[in-house]
Amino acid sequence: MDIGNRIRVIVDFYVDGFRNMTVGRKLWTIIFIKVAILFFVFKLFFFPDILKENYDNDNDRARAVAEQLTSR
């Protein structure tokens, strides 16, 4: 059994498993919704766009990033 055939068997196994799910689809949907909400909340509250707040244009932002990367 070559590597391409093994990968095909593994992919077919998972595709067939997801296709035949009933309760699992609802659970995966809930999981994806929760992860999307978490990423949105983290981005919104914990990772503010500091460069946009501190600098007026893209040239100033690029210069600030370059200084931070080269000064270390």
C-alpha atoms as a PDB file:
ATOM      1  CA  MET A   1       0.000   0.000   0.000  1.00  0.00           C
ATOM      2  CA  ASP A   2       1.634   3.238  -1.116  1.00  0.00           C
ATOM      3  CA  ILE A   3       1.390   6.541   0.743  1.00  0.00           C
ATOM      4  CA  GLY A   4      -1.183   8.038  -1.658  1.00  0.00           C
ATOM      5  CA  ASN A   5      -3.507   5.081  -1.168  1.00  0.00           C
ATOM      6  CA  ARG A   6      -3.140   5.253   2.628  1.00  0.00           C
ATOM      7  CA  ILE A   7      -3.998   8.944   2.655  1.00  0.00           C
ATOM      8  CA  ARG A   8      -7.046   8.237   0.461  1.00  0.00           C
ATOM      9  CA  VAL A   9      -8.232   5.488   2.845  1.00  0.00           C
ATOM     10  CA  ILE A  10      -7.826   7.791   5.862  1.00  0.00           C
ATOM     11  CA  VAL A  11      -9.637  10.672   4.138  1.00  0.00           C
ATOM     12  CA  ASP A  12     -12.472   8.354   3.059  1.00  0.00           C
ATOM     13  CA  PHE A  13     -12.774   7.087   6.633  1.00  0.00           C
ATOM     14  CA  TYR A  14     -13.219  10.580   8.071  1.00  0.00           C
ATOM     15  CA  VAL A  15     -15.469  11.833   5.255  1.00  0.00           C
ATOM     16  CA  ASP A  16     -17.734   8.816   5.648  1.00  0.00           C
ATOM     17  CA  GLY A  17     -17.773   9.295   9.424  1.00  0.00           C
ATOM     18  CA  PHE A  18     -18.760  12.969   9.174  1.00  0.00           C
ATOM     19  CA  ARG A  19     -21.347  12.207   6.510  1.00  0.00           C
ATOM     20  CA  ASN A  20     -23.111   9.652   8.709  1.00  0.00           C
ATOM     21  CA  MET A  21     -23.151  11.823  11.851  1.00  0.00           C
ATOM     22  CA  THR A  22     -26.417  12.966  13.378  1.00  0.00           C
ATOM     23  CA  VAL A  23     -25.762  14.415  16.832  1.00  0.00           C
ATOM     24  CA  GLY A  24     -22.128  15.085  15.995  1.00  0.00           C
ATOM     25  CA  ARG A  25     -23.023  17.687  13.376  1.00  0.00           C
ATOM     26  CA  LYS A  26     -24.865  19.757  15.946  1.00  0.00           C
ATOM     27  CA  LEU A  27     -21.979  19.426  18.379  1.00  0.00           C
ATOM     28  CA  TRP A  28     -19.403  20.455  15.761  1.00  0.00           C
ATOM     29  CA  THR A  29     -21.591  23.418  14.808  1.00  0.00           C
ATOM     30  CA  ILE A  30     -21.725  24.505  18.444  1.00  0.00           C
ATOM     31  CA  ILE A  31     -17.954  24.091  18.752  1.00  0.00           C
ATOM     32  CA  PHE A  32     -17.274  26.199  15.641  1.00  0.00           C
ATOM     33  CA  ILE A  33     -19.655  28.928  16.830  1.00  0.00           C
ATOM     34  CA  LYS A  34     -18.022  29.023  20.265  1.00  0.00           C
ATOM     35  CA  VAL A  35     -14.516  29.201  18.775  1.00  0.00           C
ATOM     36  CA  ALA A  36     -15.552  32.007  16.407  1.00  0.00           C
ATOM     37  CA  ILE A  37     -17.066  33.972  19.282  1.00  0.00           C
ATOM     38  CA  LEU A  38     -13.972  33.431  21.425  1.00  0.00           C
ATOM     39  CA  PHE A  39     -11.644  34.636  18.669  1.00  0.00           C
ATOM     40  CA  PHE A  40     -13.861  37.670  18.085  1.00  0.00           C
ATOM     41  CA  VAL A  41     -13.907  38.532  21.803  1.00  0.00           C
ATOM     42  CA  PHE A  42     -10.150  38.025  22.164  1.00  0.00           C
ATOM     43  CA  LYS A  43      -9.440  40.193  19.120  1.00  0.00           C
ATOM     44  CA  LEU A  44     -11.816  42.891  20.248  1.00  0.00           C
ATOM     45  CA  PHE A  45     -10.836  43.203  23.912  1.00  0.00           C
ATOM     46  CA  PHE A  46      -7.363  41.720  24.346  1.00  0.00           C
ATOM     47  CA  PHE A  47      -5.572  42.637  21.103  1.00  0.00           C
ATOM     48  CA  PRO A  48      -6.322  46.283  20.314  1.00  0.00           C
ATOM     49  CA  ASP A  49      -4.767  47.832  17.219  1.00  0.00           C
ATOM     50  CA  ILE A  50      -2.043  49.795  19.004  1.00  0.00           C
ATOM     51  CA  LEU A  51      -0.323  50.881  15.805  1.00  0.00           C
ATOM     52  CA  LYS A  52      -3.522  52.453  14.509  1.00  0.00           C
ATOM     53  CA  GLU A  53      -4.058  54.245  17.801  1.00  0.00           C
ATOM     54  CA  ASN A  54      -0.507  55.595  18.095  1.00  0.00           C
ATOM     55  CA  TYR A  55       0.350  56.425  14.467  1.00  0.00           C
ATOM     56  CA  ASP A  56      -1.536  58.400  11.842  1.00  0.00           C
ATOM     57  CA  ASN A  57      -0.444  56.757   8.588  1.00  0.00           C
ATOM     58  CA  ASP A  58       1.091  53.576   7.199  1.00  0.00           C
ATOM     59  CA  ASN A  59       4.569  55.046   6.780  1.00  0.00           C
ATOM     60  CA  ASP A  60       4.800  55.918  10.485  1.00  0.00           C
ATOM     61  CA  ARG A  61       3.504  52.464  11.425  1.00  0.00           C
ATOM     62  CA  ALA A  62       6.017  50.746   9.141  1.00  0.00           C
ATOM     63  CA  ARG A  63       8.856  52.832  10.548  1.00  0.00           C
ATOM     64  CA  ALA A  64       7.843  51.987  14.135  1.00  0.00           C
ATOM     65  CA  VAL A  65       7.705  48.268  13.367  1.00  0.00           C
ATOM     66  CA  ALA A  66      11.071  48.362  11.591  1.00  0.00           C
ATOM     67  CA  GLU A  67      12.654  50.169  14.534  1.00  0.00           C
ATOM     68  CA  GLN A  68      11.290  47.612  16.984  1.00  0.00           C
ATOM     69  CA  LEU A  69      12.529  44.689  14.890  1.00  0.00           C
ATOM     70  CA  THR A  70      16.002  46.067  14.270  1.00  0.00           C
ATOM     71  CA  SER A  71      16.671  47.532  17.706  1.00  0.00           C
ATOM     72  CA  ARG A  72      16.619  44.180  19.481  1.00  0.00           C
END
